[in-house]
């Protein structure tokens, strides 16, 4: 703590617009400033689809009783996309033409959730779910 004495206190009197202002300044020696680095925020990529844009779509059908799903998405800026089924990477394909057919091969009932992302990232289109009943 700095001891306040007549030597280290200076007073300044000013008139400002008819108001008496008294400034008291302590003659405190300046300490070296410590610079603390501030972390830089890392931007989070915006998911590819934004409201109003075309999104990932899926069409499920059977070929000789086996589940097959066509996925379509708009062409973006990535050269490749990762295709996920039920959270598991099943293919990495060129983003253009924006189309992939998943020949699942299962028969009977089944539910599949798909996601398509820029390859190697979690920058993804919306998820879609396809359900098959037990017939045909």
Protein backbone atom coordinates (compact mmCIF):
# COMPACT_ATOMS: atom_id res chain seq x y z
CA UNK A 1 0.00 0.00 0.00
CA UNK A 2 1.30 3.49 -0.85
CA UNK A 3 1.44 5.99 1.96
CA UNK A 4 -0.26 9.25 1.05
CA UNK A 5 1.89 12.22 2.01
CA UNK A 6 2.03 15.80 0.91
CA UNK A 7 4.91 14.87 -1.40
CA UNK A 8 2.99 12.30 -3.48
CA UNK A 9 -0.38 14.08 -3.77
CA UNK A 10 -0.86 16.88 -6.28
CA UNK A 11 -4.03 18.86 -6.58
CA UNK A 12 -5.24 20.68 -9.66
CA UNK A 13 -8.06 23.18 -9.61
CA UNK A 14 -9.95 23.90 -12.82
CA UNK A 15 -12.96 25.98 -13.75
CA UNK A 16 -15.07 24.30 -16.34
CA UNK A 17 -18.26 26.05 -17.49
CA UNK A 18 -18.59 27.74 -14.14
CA UNK A 19 -18.16 24.48 -12.19
CA UNK A 20 -15.33 24.11 -9.76
CA UNK A 21 -13.44 20.89 -10.43
CA UNK A 22 -10.77 19.57 -8.12
CA UNK A 23 -8.52 16.83 -9.46
CA UNK A 24 -6.36 14.99 -7.00
CA UNK A 25 -3.61 12.91 -8.56
CA UNK A 26 -1.48 10.47 -6.64
CA UNK A 27 2.09 10.39 -7.72
CA UNK A 28 2.22 6.60 -7.82
CA UNK A 29 5.15 5.06 -9.55
CA UNK A 30 3.98 3.07 -12.59
CA UNK A 31 4.40 -0.65 -12.34
CA UNK A 32 5.33 -2.62 -15.41
CA UNK A 33 2.23 -3.79 -17.22
CA UNK A 34 1.56 -7.51 -17.44
CA UNK A 35 0.17 -8.62 -20.78
CA UNK A 36 -2.22 -11.54 -20.58
CA UNK A 37 -2.90 -13.19 -23.93
CA UNK A 38 -6.58 -13.43 -24.79
CA UNK A 39 -7.57 -16.67 -26.49
CA UNK A 40 -8.80 -16.24 -30.04
CA UNK A 41 -12.20 -17.69 -30.74
CA UNK A 42 -12.26 -20.56 -33.21
CA UNK A 43 -15.14 -20.14 -35.65
CA UNK A 44 -17.59 -23.00 -35.82
CA UNK A 45 -18.42 -23.96 -39.39
CA UNK A 46 -21.97 -23.26 -40.39
CA UNK A 47 -23.75 -26.42 -41.47
CA UNK A 48 -24.10 -26.60 -45.24
CA UNK A 49 -27.89 -26.19 -45.42
CA UNK A 50 -29.40 -22.91 -44.38
CA UNK A 51 -33.11 -22.15 -44.26
CA UNK A 52 -34.57 -22.09 -47.76
CA UNK A 53 -31.83 -24.18 -49.36
CA UNK A 54 -32.32 -27.65 -50.80
CA UNK A 55 -31.50 -30.28 -48.23
CA UNK A 56 -30.50 -33.94 -48.12
CA UNK A 57 -33.33 -36.17 -49.29
CA UNK A 58 -33.73 -39.93 -49.28
CA UNK A 59 -35.90 -42.36 -51.22
CA UNK A 60 -36.13 -45.93 -49.94
CA UNK A 61 -37.26 -48.84 -52.14
CA UNK A 62 -36.69 -52.55 -52.53
CA UNK A 63 -34.88 -54.40 -55.32
CA UNK A 64 -35.77 -58.11 -55.26
CA UNK A 65 -36.90 -57.55 -51.65
CA UNK A 66 -33.57 -55.96 -50.59
CA UNK A 67 -33.47 -52.48 -49.04
CA UNK A 68 -32.00 -49.77 -51.27
CA UNK A 69 -31.84 -46.01 -50.58
CA UNK A 70 -31.13 -43.16 -53.00
CA UNK A 71 -29.67 -40.05 -51.34
CA UNK A 72 -29.55 -36.66 -53.07
CA UNK A 73 -28.10 -33.35 -51.90
CA UNK A 74 -27.20 -30.00 -53.48
CA UNK A 75 -23.72 -29.63 -54.88
CA UNK A 76 -21.55 -27.63 -52.50
CA UNK A 77 -17.95 -26.49 -52.36
CA UNK A 78 -16.31 -29.68 -51.11
CA UNK A 79 -14.71 -32.17 -53.49
CA UNK A 80 -15.81 -35.24 -51.49
CA UNK A 81 -18.50 -36.08 -48.96
CA UNK A 82 -18.76 -38.75 -46.28
CA UNK A 83 -22.01 -40.74 -46.22
CA UNK A 84 -23.11 -42.09 -42.83
CA UNK A 85 -25.80 -44.69 -42.14
CA UNK A 86 -26.92 -45.00 -38.52
CA UNK A 87 -23.83 -43.03 -37.42
CA UNK A 88 -21.33 -45.27 -39.25
CA UNK A 89 -19.30 -44.03 -42.22
CA UNK A 90 -20.28 -46.21 -45.18
CA UNK A 91 -18.75 -44.31 -48.14
CA UNK A 92 -16.70 -41.31 -49.21
CA UNK A 93 -17.82 -40.17 -52.65
CA UNK A 94 -17.36 -37.17 -54.95
CA UNK A 95 -19.78 -34.42 -53.96
CA UNK A 96 -20.70 -33.88 -57.59
CA UNK A 97 -23.18 -35.10 -58.84
CA UNK A 98 -24.83 -34.98 -55.37
CA UNK A 99 -26.21 -38.50 -55.51
CA UNK A 100 -25.47 -41.82 -53.81
CA UNK A 101 -27.28 -45.17 -53.82
CA UNK A 102 -26.93 -47.33 -50.72
CA UNK A 103 -27.50 -51.01 -51.56
CA UNK A 104 -28.13 -52.20 -48.01
CA UNK A 105 -29.06 -55.74 -48.98
CA UNK A 106 -31.21 -56.39 -45.89
CA UNK A 107 -34.77 -57.72 -46.17
CA UNK A 108 -37.83 -57.33 -43.99
CA UNK A 109 -38.21 -54.40 -41.61
CA UNK A 110 -35.54 -51.78 -41.21
CA UNK A 111 -34.92 -48.17 -40.21
CA UNK A 112 -31.91 -46.23 -41.47
CA UNK A 113 -30.77 -42.70 -40.58
CA UNK A 114 -28.47 -40.98 -43.06
CA UNK A 115 -26.17 -37.99 -42.86
CA UNK A 116 -23.89 -36.52 -45.55
CA UNK A 117 -20.93 -34.35 -44.47
CA UNK A 118 -18.02 -32.60 -46.14
CA UNK A 119 -15.30 -35.27 -46.12
CA UNK A 120 -13.34 -35.38 -42.88
CA UNK A 121 -15.53 -32.81 -41.09
CA UNK A 122 -18.76 -32.59 -39.15
CA UNK A 123 -20.06 -29.89 -41.51
CA UNK A 124 -23.17 -31.82 -42.52
CA UNK A 125 -26.51 -31.65 -44.25
CA UNK A 126 -29.63 -32.52 -42.29
CA UNK A 127 -30.25 -36.11 -41.26
CA UNK A 128 -32.95 -38.16 -42.98
CA UNK A 129 -34.59 -41.40 -41.87
CA UNK A 130 -35.93 -44.16 -44.11
CA UNK A 131 -38.21 -46.92 -42.78
CA UNK A 132 -39.04 -50.22 -44.48
CA UNK A 133 -41.98 -52.38 -43.50
CA UNK A 134 -41.75 -56.15 -43.51
CA UNK A 135 -43.57 -56.73 -46.80
CA UNK A 136 -42.30 -57.37 -50.31
